[in-house]
């Protein structure tokens, strides 16, 4: 029970900052988040691409989970798209939900040069931060409040997430 309270308190603190903080600082907060996340995903892909080439399939742990994700049909299709379309896919990925992680991971797996990736991510991160500084955060906040305000909404959200995970595991 205290974990739920802690998460709610953390969310309230962030929401308070986003809703009442100076717009420039809120924008920078989201911009930092966008760059941090994209770089982390790129470097995980880069590491795993190198790991796979030098050591093959991992035995267990998070490397095996990432290896399996990289070899899933959806990721293989995304890798093919990034190879075919190149760096313009990077800024566009910031405007998508679901494909963003796959595209950034794929850029790392195919060893897109870091400087090219970084420069390509700048307009995407700028746009993502602007979206979340304005309407994006409001949508997430309303969803979170609806889920945590009602045990039935939280249960429905949990069932939806479990359903999606199970469906993806059986269809990949």
N, C-alpha and C. Protein backbone atom coordinates (compact mmCIF):
# COMPACT_ATOMS: atom_id res chain seq x y z
N UNK A 1 0.82 -1.18 0.00
CA UNK A 1 0.00 0.00 0.00
C UNK A 1 0.87 1.26 0.00
N UNK A 2 1.97 1.25 0.75
CA UNK A 2 2.82 2.43 0.80
C UNK A 2 3.50 2.67 -0.54
N UNK A 3 3.75 1.60 -1.31
CA UNK A 3 4.36 1.77 -2.63
C UNK A 3 3.45 2.58 -3.53
N UNK A 4 2.14 2.30 -3.48
CA UNK A 4 1.18 3.05 -4.28
C UNK A 4 1.21 4.52 -3.88
N UNK A 5 1.24 4.78 -2.57
CA UNK A 5 1.29 6.15 -2.08
C UNK A 5 2.57 6.83 -2.56
N UNK A 6 3.69 6.13 -2.49
CA UNK A 6 4.95 6.72 -2.93
C UNK A 6 4.89 7.08 -4.41
N UNK A 7 4.37 6.18 -5.24
CA UNK A 7 4.27 6.47 -6.67
C UNK A 7 3.34 7.64 -6.92
N UNK A 8 2.25 7.70 -6.20
CA UNK A 8 1.31 8.80 -6.36
C UNK A 8 1.96 10.11 -5.92
N UNK A 9 2.72 10.07 -4.83
CA UNK A 9 3.40 11.27 -4.36
C UNK A 9 4.44 11.75 -5.37
N UNK A 10 5.17 10.81 -5.94
CA UNK A 10 6.16 11.18 -6.96
C UNK A 10 5.45 11.78 -8.18
N UNK A 11 4.38 11.12 -8.61
CA UNK A 11 3.63 11.62 -9.74
C UNK A 11 3.08 13.02 -9.44
N UNK A 12 2.56 13.22 -8.24
CA UNK A 12 2.02 14.53 -7.86
C UNK A 12 3.10 15.60 -7.89
N UNK A 13 4.30 15.26 -7.43
CA UNK A 13 5.39 16.23 -7.45
C UNK A 13 5.76 16.61 -8.89
N UNK A 14 5.86 15.61 -9.75
CA UNK A 14 6.18 15.88 -11.16
C UNK A 14 5.05 16.65 -11.81
N UNK A 15 3.80 16.23 -11.56
CA UNK A 15 2.65 16.92 -12.14
C UNK A 15 2.59 18.36 -11.68
N UNK A 16 2.88 18.60 -10.41
CA UNK A 16 2.89 19.96 -9.90
C UNK A 16 3.91 20.82 -10.61
N UNK A 17 5.09 20.26 -10.81
CA UNK A 17 6.14 20.99 -11.52
C UNK A 17 5.72 21.27 -12.96
N UNK A 18 5.19 20.24 -13.64
CA UNK A 18 4.81 20.40 -15.04
C UNK A 18 3.67 21.41 -15.19
N UNK A 19 2.72 21.38 -14.27
CA UNK A 19 1.56 22.25 -14.38
C UNK A 19 1.83 23.69 -13.95
N UNK A 20 2.74 23.89 -12.99
CA UNK A 20 2.92 25.24 -12.48
C UNK A 20 4.33 25.78 -12.62
N UNK A 21 5.23 24.95 -13.07
CA UNK A 21 6.61 25.40 -13.22
C UNK A 21 6.75 26.33 -14.41
N UNK A 22 7.85 27.05 -14.46
CA UNK A 22 8.11 27.91 -15.61
C UNK A 22 8.16 27.06 -16.89
N UNK A 23 7.48 27.53 -17.92
CA UNK A 23 7.37 26.76 -19.17
C UNK A 23 8.74 26.37 -19.72
N UNK A 24 9.70 27.27 -19.63
CA UNK A 24 11.04 26.96 -20.17
C UNK A 24 11.67 25.79 -19.42
N UNK A 25 11.51 25.74 -18.10
CA UNK A 25 12.08 24.64 -17.31
C UNK A 25 11.34 23.34 -17.55
N UNK A 26 10.03 23.43 -17.70
CA UNK A 26 9.24 22.23 -18.00
C UNK A 26 9.67 21.67 -19.36
N UNK A 27 9.85 22.56 -20.34
CA UNK A 27 10.30 22.14 -21.66
C UNK A 27 11.67 21.47 -21.57
N UNK A 28 12.59 22.08 -20.83
CA UNK A 28 13.93 21.50 -20.67
C UNK A 28 13.87 20.16 -19.95
N UNK A 29 12.97 20.01 -18.98
CA UNK A 29 12.77 18.74 -18.28
C UNK A 29 12.39 17.65 -19.28
N UNK A 30 11.42 17.94 -20.13
CA UNK A 30 10.99 16.95 -21.12
C UNK A 30 12.06 16.73 -22.20
N UNK A 31 12.76 17.78 -22.57
CA UNK A 31 13.83 17.64 -23.56
C UNK A 31 14.94 16.73 -23.03
N UNK A 32 15.32 16.93 -21.77
CA UNK A 32 16.32 16.06 -21.16
C UNK A 32 15.83 14.61 -21.13
N UNK A 33 14.55 14.43 -20.81
CA UNK A 33 13.98 13.08 -20.79
C UNK A 33 14.02 12.43 -22.16
N UNK A 34 13.68 13.21 -23.19
CA UNK A 34 13.67 12.67 -24.56
C UNK A 34 15.08 12.27 -24.99
N UNK A 35 16.06 13.14 -24.75
CA UNK A 35 17.44 12.82 -25.12
C UNK A 35 17.98 11.64 -24.32
N UNK A 36 17.71 11.62 -23.03
CA UNK A 36 18.22 10.53 -22.18
C UNK A 36 17.67 9.18 -22.63
N UNK A 37 16.37 9.13 -22.85
CA UNK A 37 15.74 7.88 -23.24
C UNK A 37 16.24 7.43 -24.61
N UNK A 38 16.28 8.34 -25.57
CA UNK A 38 16.69 7.94 -26.92
C UNK A 38 18.14 7.47 -26.94
N UNK A 39 19.00 8.15 -26.19
CA UNK A 39 20.40 7.73 -26.15
C UNK A 39 20.54 6.37 -25.47
N UNK A 40 19.80 6.17 -24.39
CA UNK A 40 19.87 4.88 -23.69
C UNK A 40 19.43 3.74 -24.61
N UNK A 41 18.33 3.93 -25.31
CA UNK A 41 17.83 2.88 -26.21
C UNK A 41 18.81 2.64 -27.36
N UNK A 42 19.34 3.72 -27.93
CA UNK A 42 20.33 3.59 -29.01
C UNK A 42 21.53 2.77 -28.53
N UNK A 43 22.08 3.11 -27.35
CA UNK A 43 23.28 2.43 -26.86
C UNK A 43 23.01 1.00 -26.44
N UNK A 44 21.81 0.71 -25.97
CA UNK A 44 21.45 -0.70 -25.70
C UNK A 44 21.45 -1.47 -27.02
N UNK A 45 20.86 -0.88 -28.06
CA UNK A 45 20.87 -1.52 -29.37
C UNK A 45 22.28 -1.68 -29.91
N UNK A 46 23.09 -0.67 -29.73
CA UNK A 46 24.47 -0.71 -30.22
C UNK A 46 25.25 -1.82 -29.49
N UNK A 47 25.08 -1.87 -28.16
CA UNK A 47 25.75 -2.91 -27.36
C UNK A 47 25.28 -4.29 -27.79
N UNK A 48 23.97 -4.45 -27.92
CA UNK A 48 23.44 -5.78 -28.25
C UNK A 48 23.82 -6.18 -29.67
N UNK A 49 23.86 -5.24 -30.59
CA UNK A 49 24.31 -5.57 -31.94
C UNK A 49 25.73 -6.09 -31.92
N UNK A 50 26.59 -5.44 -31.16
CA UNK A 50 27.98 -5.88 -31.02
C UNK A 50 28.06 -7.21 -30.27
N UNK A 51 27.26 -7.34 -29.22
CA UNK A 51 27.24 -8.57 -28.42
C UNK A 51 26.85 -9.76 -29.30
N UNK A 52 25.81 -9.57 -30.10
CA UNK A 52 25.32 -10.66 -30.95
C UNK A 52 26.38 -11.04 -31.97
N UNK A 53 27.06 -10.04 -32.55
CA UNK A 53 28.07 -10.33 -33.58
C UNK A 53 29.28 -11.05 -33.00
N UNK A 54 29.65 -10.73 -31.76
CA UNK A 54 30.87 -11.32 -31.21
C UNK A 54 30.62 -12.57 -30.37
N UNK A 55 29.45 -12.62 -29.69
CA UNK A 55 29.23 -13.73 -28.77
C UNK A 55 28.02 -14.58 -29.09
N UNK A 56 27.16 -14.14 -29.98
CA UNK A 56 25.98 -14.93 -30.32
C UNK A 56 24.85 -14.75 -29.33
N UNK A 57 24.06 -15.78 -29.20
CA UNK A 57 22.86 -15.72 -28.35
C UNK A 57 23.24 -15.82 -26.87
N UNK A 58 22.77 -14.84 -26.05
CA UNK A 58 23.05 -14.91 -24.61
C UNK A 58 22.33 -16.09 -23.96
N UNK A 59 22.81 -16.50 -22.80
CA UNK A 59 22.24 -17.64 -22.09
C UNK A 59 21.00 -17.26 -21.28
N UNK A 60 21.02 -16.10 -20.63
CA UNK A 60 19.90 -15.74 -19.75
C UNK A 60 19.96 -14.25 -19.44
N UNK A 61 18.98 -13.80 -18.64
CA UNK A 61 18.99 -12.43 -18.15
C UNK A 61 18.44 -11.42 -19.15
N UNK A 62 18.74 -10.15 -18.86
CA UNK A 62 18.21 -9.07 -19.68
C UNK A 62 18.76 -9.12 -21.10
N UNK A 63 20.00 -9.61 -21.27
CA UNK A 63 20.56 -9.69 -22.62
C UNK A 63 19.74 -10.66 -23.50
N UNK A 64 19.31 -11.76 -22.91
CA UNK A 64 18.49 -12.71 -23.65
C UNK A 64 17.15 -12.10 -24.02
N UNK A 65 16.56 -11.34 -23.10
CA UNK A 65 15.27 -10.68 -23.40
C UNK A 65 15.44 -9.67 -24.53
N UNK A 66 16.52 -8.89 -24.49
CA UNK A 66 16.76 -7.92 -25.56
C UNK A 66 17.08 -8.65 -26.86
N UNK A 67 17.86 -9.72 -26.78
CA UNK A 67 18.17 -10.53 -27.97
C UNK A 67 16.88 -11.04 -28.61
N UNK A 68 15.99 -11.58 -27.78
CA UNK A 68 14.71 -12.07 -28.32
C UNK A 68 13.89 -10.94 -28.92
N UNK A 69 13.92 -9.78 -28.30
CA UNK A 69 13.19 -8.62 -28.84
C UNK A 69 13.78 -8.20 -30.18
N UNK A 70 15.09 -8.20 -30.27
CA UNK A 70 15.75 -7.82 -31.53
C UNK A 70 15.41 -8.81 -32.64
N UNK A 71 15.25 -10.08 -32.30
CA UNK A 71 14.95 -11.09 -33.30
C UNK A 71 13.46 -11.31 -33.53
N UNK A 72 12.62 -10.53 -32.87
CA UNK A 72 11.18 -10.60 -33.12
C UNK A 72 10.88 -10.03 -34.50
N UNK A 73 9.82 -10.51 -35.13
CA UNK A 73 9.46 -10.06 -36.47
C UNK A 73 9.28 -8.56 -36.54
N UNK A 74 8.64 -7.97 -35.54
CA UNK A 74 8.40 -6.52 -35.56
C UNK A 74 9.71 -5.74 -35.57
N UNK A 75 10.67 -6.18 -34.79
CA UNK A 75 11.96 -5.48 -34.76
C UNK A 75 12.72 -5.71 -36.05
N UNK A 76 12.67 -6.90 -36.59
CA UNK A 76 13.36 -7.17 -37.86
C UNK A 76 12.78 -6.31 -38.99
N UNK A 77 11.45 -6.14 -39.00
CA UNK A 77 10.84 -5.25 -40.00
C UNK A 77 11.29 -3.80 -39.79
N UNK A 78 11.38 -3.39 -38.53
CA UNK A 78 11.81 -2.02 -38.24
C UNK A 78 13.27 -1.83 -38.62
N UNK A 79 14.13 -2.81 -38.36
CA UNK A 79 15.53 -2.72 -38.77
C UNK A 79 15.62 -2.56 -40.28
N UNK A 80 14.82 -3.32 -41.01
CA UNK A 80 14.81 -3.20 -42.48
C UNK A 80 14.38 -1.80 -42.91
N UNK A 81 13.40 -1.23 -42.24
CA UNK A 81 12.93 0.13 -42.58
C UNK A 81 14.03 1.15 -42.30
N UNK A 82 14.69 1.04 -41.15
CA UNK A 82 15.76 1.99 -40.81
C UNK A 82 16.92 1.84 -41.79
N UNK A 83 17.24 0.62 -42.19
CA UNK A 83 18.31 0.43 -43.19
C UNK A 83 17.92 1.05 -44.53
N UNK A 84 16.66 0.87 -44.91
CA UNK A 84 16.19 1.36 -46.21
C UNK A 84 16.02 2.88 -46.20
N UNK A 85 15.41 3.44 -45.16
CA UNK A 85 15.08 4.87 -45.13
C UNK A 85 16.15 5.72 -44.47
N UNK A 86 16.97 5.13 -43.60
CA UNK A 86 18.08 5.84 -42.99
C UNK A 86 17.71 6.79 -41.87
N UNK A 87 18.55 7.81 -41.70
CA UNK A 87 18.43 8.72 -40.56
C UNK A 87 17.12 9.48 -40.48
N UNK A 88 16.38 9.76 -41.57
CA UNK A 88 15.11 10.49 -41.40
C UNK A 88 14.09 9.76 -40.52
N UNK A 89 14.28 8.47 -40.33
CA UNK A 89 13.37 7.73 -39.46
C UNK A 89 13.54 8.12 -37.99
N UNK A 90 14.71 8.61 -37.63
CA UNK A 90 14.99 8.94 -36.23
C UNK A 90 14.11 10.09 -35.73
N UNK A 91 14.12 11.26 -36.37
CA UNK A 91 13.25 12.33 -35.86
C UNK A 91 11.77 11.97 -35.95
N UNK A 92 11.38 11.23 -36.98
CA UNK A 92 9.98 10.83 -37.11
C UNK A 92 9.56 9.88 -35.99
N UNK A 93 10.52 9.09 -35.47
CA UNK A 93 10.18 8.13 -34.43
C UNK A 93 9.66 8.81 -33.17
N UNK A 94 10.10 10.03 -32.91
CA UNK A 94 9.65 10.74 -31.71
C UNK A 94 8.17 11.11 -31.78
N UNK A 95 7.61 11.05 -32.96
CA UNK A 95 6.19 11.41 -33.14
C UNK A 95 5.30 10.17 -33.13
N UNK A 96 5.87 9.02 -32.84
CA UNK A 96 5.09 7.79 -32.84
C UNK A 96 5.00 7.22 -31.43
N UNK A 97 4.01 6.40 -31.23
CA UNK A 97 3.88 5.66 -29.97
C UNK A 97 4.04 4.19 -30.34
N UNK A 98 4.98 3.53 -29.72
CA UNK A 98 5.20 2.12 -30.01
C UNK A 98 6.38 1.89 -30.92
N UNK A 99 6.48 2.65 -31.98
CA UNK A 99 7.60 2.48 -32.91
C UNK A 99 8.85 3.22 -32.46
N UNK A 100 8.68 4.20 -31.61
CA UNK A 100 9.81 5.03 -31.19
C UNK A 100 10.95 4.17 -30.65
N UNK A 101 10.66 3.29 -29.73
CA UNK A 101 11.70 2.46 -29.14
C UNK A 101 12.30 1.52 -30.17
N UNK A 102 11.46 0.91 -31.00
CA UNK A 102 11.98 -0.02 -32.01
C UNK A 102 12.91 0.67 -33.01
N UNK A 103 12.54 1.86 -33.44
CA UNK A 103 13.38 2.58 -34.40
C UNK A 103 14.71 2.96 -33.77
N UNK A 104 14.67 3.47 -32.55
CA UNK A 104 15.91 3.87 -31.88
C UNK A 104 16.79 2.66 -31.56
N UNK A 105 16.18 1.56 -31.14
CA UNK A 105 16.92 0.33 -30.91
C UNK A 105 17.54 -0.17 -32.21
N UNK A 106 16.76 -0.11 -33.29
CA UNK A 106 17.25 -0.56 -34.60
C UNK A 106 18.43 0.26 -35.07
N UNK A 107 18.41 1.57 -34.83
CA UNK A 107 19.54 2.42 -35.22
C UNK A 107 20.81 1.96 -34.52
N UNK A 108 20.68 1.57 -33.25
CA UNK A 108 21.84 1.06 -32.54
C UNK A 108 22.29 -0.30 -33.04
N UNK A 109 21.34 -1.19 -33.29
CA UNK A 109 21.66 -2.54 -33.74
C UNK A 109 22.41 -2.50 -35.07
N UNK A 110 21.99 -1.64 -35.98
CA UNK A 110 22.66 -1.58 -37.29
C UNK A 110 23.92 -0.71 -37.25
N UNK A 111 24.24 -0.20 -36.05
CA UNK A 111 25.45 0.61 -35.83
C UNK A 111 25.45 1.88 -36.66
N UNK A 112 24.28 2.55 -36.70
CA UNK A 112 24.24 3.86 -37.33
C UNK A 112 25.28 4.72 -36.60
N UNK A 113 26.10 5.47 -37.33
CA UNK A 113 27.11 6.29 -36.64
C UNK A 113 26.46 7.19 -35.59
N UNK A 114 27.07 7.26 -34.41
CA UNK A 114 26.47 7.97 -33.29
C UNK A 114 26.20 9.43 -33.62
N UNK A 115 27.14 10.12 -34.24
CA UNK A 115 26.94 11.54 -34.53
C UNK A 115 25.74 11.74 -35.45
N UNK A 116 25.60 10.89 -36.45
CA UNK A 116 24.44 10.97 -37.35
C UNK A 116 23.16 10.74 -36.57
N UNK A 117 23.16 9.73 -35.70
CA UNK A 117 21.99 9.44 -34.87
C UNK A 117 21.66 10.63 -33.97
N UNK A 118 22.68 11.15 -33.30
CA UNK A 118 22.47 12.25 -32.36
C UNK A 118 21.91 13.48 -33.07
N UNK A 119 22.50 13.85 -34.18
CA UNK A 119 22.02 15.03 -34.93
C UNK A 119 20.59 14.79 -35.42
N UNK A 120 20.31 13.59 -35.88
CA UNK A 120 18.96 13.27 -36.37
C UNK A 120 17.94 13.28 -35.22
N UNK A 121 18.39 12.98 -34.01
CA UNK A 121 17.46 12.94 -32.88
C UNK A 121 17.09 14.33 -32.36
N UNK A 122 17.88 15.34 -32.69
CA UNK A 122 17.63 16.69 -32.15
C UNK A 122 16.24 17.22 -32.52
N UNK A 123 15.86 17.26 -33.80
CA UNK A 123 14.52 17.79 -34.09
C UNK A 123 13.40 16.94 -33.48
N UNK A 124 13.59 15.65 -33.43
CA UNK A 124 12.58 14.78 -32.83
C UNK A 124 12.41 15.04 -31.34
N UNK A 125 13.53 15.17 -30.64
CA UNK A 125 13.47 15.44 -29.20
C UNK A 125 12.87 16.81 -28.93
N UNK A 126 13.21 17.80 -29.76
CA UNK A 126 12.64 19.13 -29.60
C UNK A 126 11.11 19.09 -29.77
N UNK A 127 10.65 18.36 -30.79
CA UNK A 127 9.21 18.25 -31.03
C UNK A 127 8.53 17.47 -29.91
N UNK A 128 9.14 16.37 -29.47
CA UNK A 128 8.56 15.56 -28.40
C UNK A 128 8.41 16.38 -27.13
N UNK A 129 9.44 17.14 -26.78
CA UNK A 129 9.38 17.98 -25.58
C UNK A 129 8.28 19.03 -25.70
N UNK A 130 8.11 19.60 -26.87
CA UNK A 130 7.05 20.59 -27.08
C UNK A 130 5.67 19.96 -26.92
N UNK A 131 5.50 18.78 -27.49
CA UNK A 131 4.21 18.08 -27.38
C UNK A 131 3.90 17.78 -25.92
N UNK A 132 4.89 17.28 -25.18
CA UNK A 132 4.64 16.93 -23.78
C UNK A 132 4.53 18.16 -22.89
N UNK A 133 5.17 19.24 -23.26
CA UNK A 133 5.04 20.47 -22.48
C UNK A 133 3.63 21.03 -22.62
N UNK A 134 2.99 20.76 -23.73
CA UNK A 134 1.65 21.29 -23.97
C UNK A 134 0.61 20.21 -23.68
N UNK A 135 0.15 19.50 -24.67
CA UNK A 135 -0.99 18.60 -24.50
C UNK A 135 -0.63 17.18 -24.06
N UNK A 136 0.55 16.71 -24.38
CA UNK A 136 0.92 15.33 -24.08
C UNK A 136 0.86 14.99 -22.61
N UNK A 137 1.39 15.85 -21.77
CA UNK A 137 1.38 15.58 -20.34
C UNK A 137 -0.05 15.56 -19.82
N UNK A 138 -0.89 16.44 -20.31
CA UNK A 138 -2.29 16.49 -19.85
C UNK A 138 -3.00 15.17 -20.12
N UNK A 139 -2.74 14.57 -21.26
CA UNK A 139 -3.36 13.28 -21.61
C UNK A 139 -2.88 12.19 -20.65
N UNK A 140 -1.55 12.11 -20.42
CA UNK A 140 -1.02 11.10 -19.51
C UNK A 140 -1.51 11.32 -18.09
N UNK A 141 -1.56 12.58 -17.65
CA UNK A 141 -2.01 12.87 -16.30
C UNK A 141 -3.47 12.45 -16.11
N UNK A 142 -4.31 12.73 -17.10
CA UNK A 142 -5.72 12.34 -17.00
C UNK A 142 -5.85 10.82 -16.95
N UNK A 143 -5.07 10.11 -17.74
CA UNK A 143 -5.09 8.65 -17.74
C UNK A 143 -4.65 8.10 -16.39
N UNK A 144 -3.56 8.63 -15.86
CA UNK A 144 -3.04 8.18 -14.57
C UNK A 144 -4.05 8.45 -13.46
N UNK A 145 -4.62 9.64 -13.46
CA UNK A 145 -5.60 9.99 -12.43
C UNK A 145 -6.83 9.08 -12.52
N UNK A 146 -7.28 8.79 -13.72
CA UNK A 146 -8.44 7.91 -13.88
C UNK A 146 -8.12 6.51 -13.36
N UNK A 147 -6.91 6.04 -13.65
CA UNK A 147 -6.53 4.68 -13.23
C UNK A 147 -6.33 4.59 -11.72
N UNK A 148 -5.72 5.61 -11.12
CA UNK A 148 -5.45 5.53 -9.69
C UNK A 148 -6.62 6.01 -8.85
N UNK A 149 -7.55 6.71 -9.45
CA UNK A 149 -8.70 7.20 -8.70
C UNK A 149 -9.78 6.15 -8.52
N UNK A 150 -9.76 5.14 -9.35
CA UNK A 150 -10.79 4.10 -9.29
C UNK A 150 -10.12 2.73 -9.32
N UNK A 151 -10.43 1.89 -8.37
CA UNK A 151 -9.84 0.54 -8.41
C UNK A 151 -10.29 -0.24 -9.63
N UNK A 152 -11.49 0.02 -10.13
CA UNK A 152 -11.98 -0.68 -11.33
C UNK A 152 -11.22 -0.22 -12.57
N UNK A 153 -10.92 1.07 -12.65
CA UNK A 153 -10.15 1.57 -13.79
C UNK A 153 -8.73 1.01 -13.75
N UNK A 154 -8.16 0.93 -12.56
CA UNK A 154 -6.83 0.36 -12.42
C UNK A 154 -6.83 -1.11 -12.81
N UNK A 155 -7.86 -1.84 -12.38
CA UNK A 155 -7.98 -3.25 -12.75
C UNK A 155 -8.15 -3.40 -14.27
N UNK A 156 -8.96 -2.56 -14.87
CA UNK A 156 -9.15 -2.61 -16.33
C UNK A 156 -7.84 -2.32 -17.06
N UNK A 157 -7.09 -1.36 -16.58
CA UNK A 157 -5.80 -1.04 -17.18
C UNK A 157 -4.83 -2.21 -17.04
N UNK A 158 -4.80 -2.83 -15.88
CA UNK A 158 -3.94 -3.99 -15.65
C UNK A 158 -4.32 -5.14 -16.57
N UNK A 159 -5.61 -5.42 -16.71
CA UNK A 159 -6.08 -6.49 -17.60
C UNK A 159 -5.69 -6.17 -19.04
N UNK A 160 -5.82 -4.92 -19.45
CA UNK A 160 -5.43 -4.52 -20.80
C UNK A 160 -3.94 -4.75 -21.04
N UNK A 161 -3.11 -4.32 -20.10
CA UNK A 161 -1.66 -4.49 -20.25
C UNK A 161 -1.29 -5.97 -20.30
N UNK A 162 -1.84 -6.77 -19.40
CA UNK A 162 -1.56 -8.21 -19.39
C UNK A 162 -2.02 -8.84 -20.70
N UNK A 163 -3.19 -8.44 -21.18
CA UNK A 163 -3.71 -8.96 -22.45
C UNK A 163 -2.79 -8.65 -23.62
N UNK A 164 -2.29 -7.43 -23.67
CA UNK A 164 -1.38 -7.03 -24.75
C UNK A 164 -0.08 -7.82 -24.67
N UNK A 165 0.47 -7.96 -23.47
CA UNK A 165 1.72 -8.71 -23.29
C UNK A 165 1.53 -10.16 -23.72
N UNK A 166 0.45 -10.78 -23.28
CA UNK A 166 0.20 -12.18 -23.66
C UNK A 166 -0.02 -12.32 -25.16
N UNK A 167 -0.75 -11.40 -25.75
CA UNK A 167 -1.00 -11.46 -27.19
C UNK A 167 0.31 -11.34 -27.96
N UNK A 168 1.17 -10.40 -27.52
CA UNK A 168 2.45 -10.20 -28.21
C UNK A 168 3.35 -11.43 -28.09
N UNK A 169 3.32 -12.07 -26.93
CA UNK A 169 4.16 -13.26 -26.74
C UNK A 169 3.71 -14.42 -27.60
N UNK A 170 2.40 -14.53 -27.83
CA UNK A 170 1.89 -15.65 -28.63
C UNK A 170 1.94 -15.37 -30.12
N UNK A 171 2.05 -14.11 -30.50
CA UNK A 171 2.04 -13.75 -31.92
C UNK A 171 3.38 -13.29 -32.44
N UNK A 172 4.46 -13.46 -31.69
CA UNK A 172 5.80 -13.09 -32.18
C UNK A 172 6.61 -14.32 -32.46
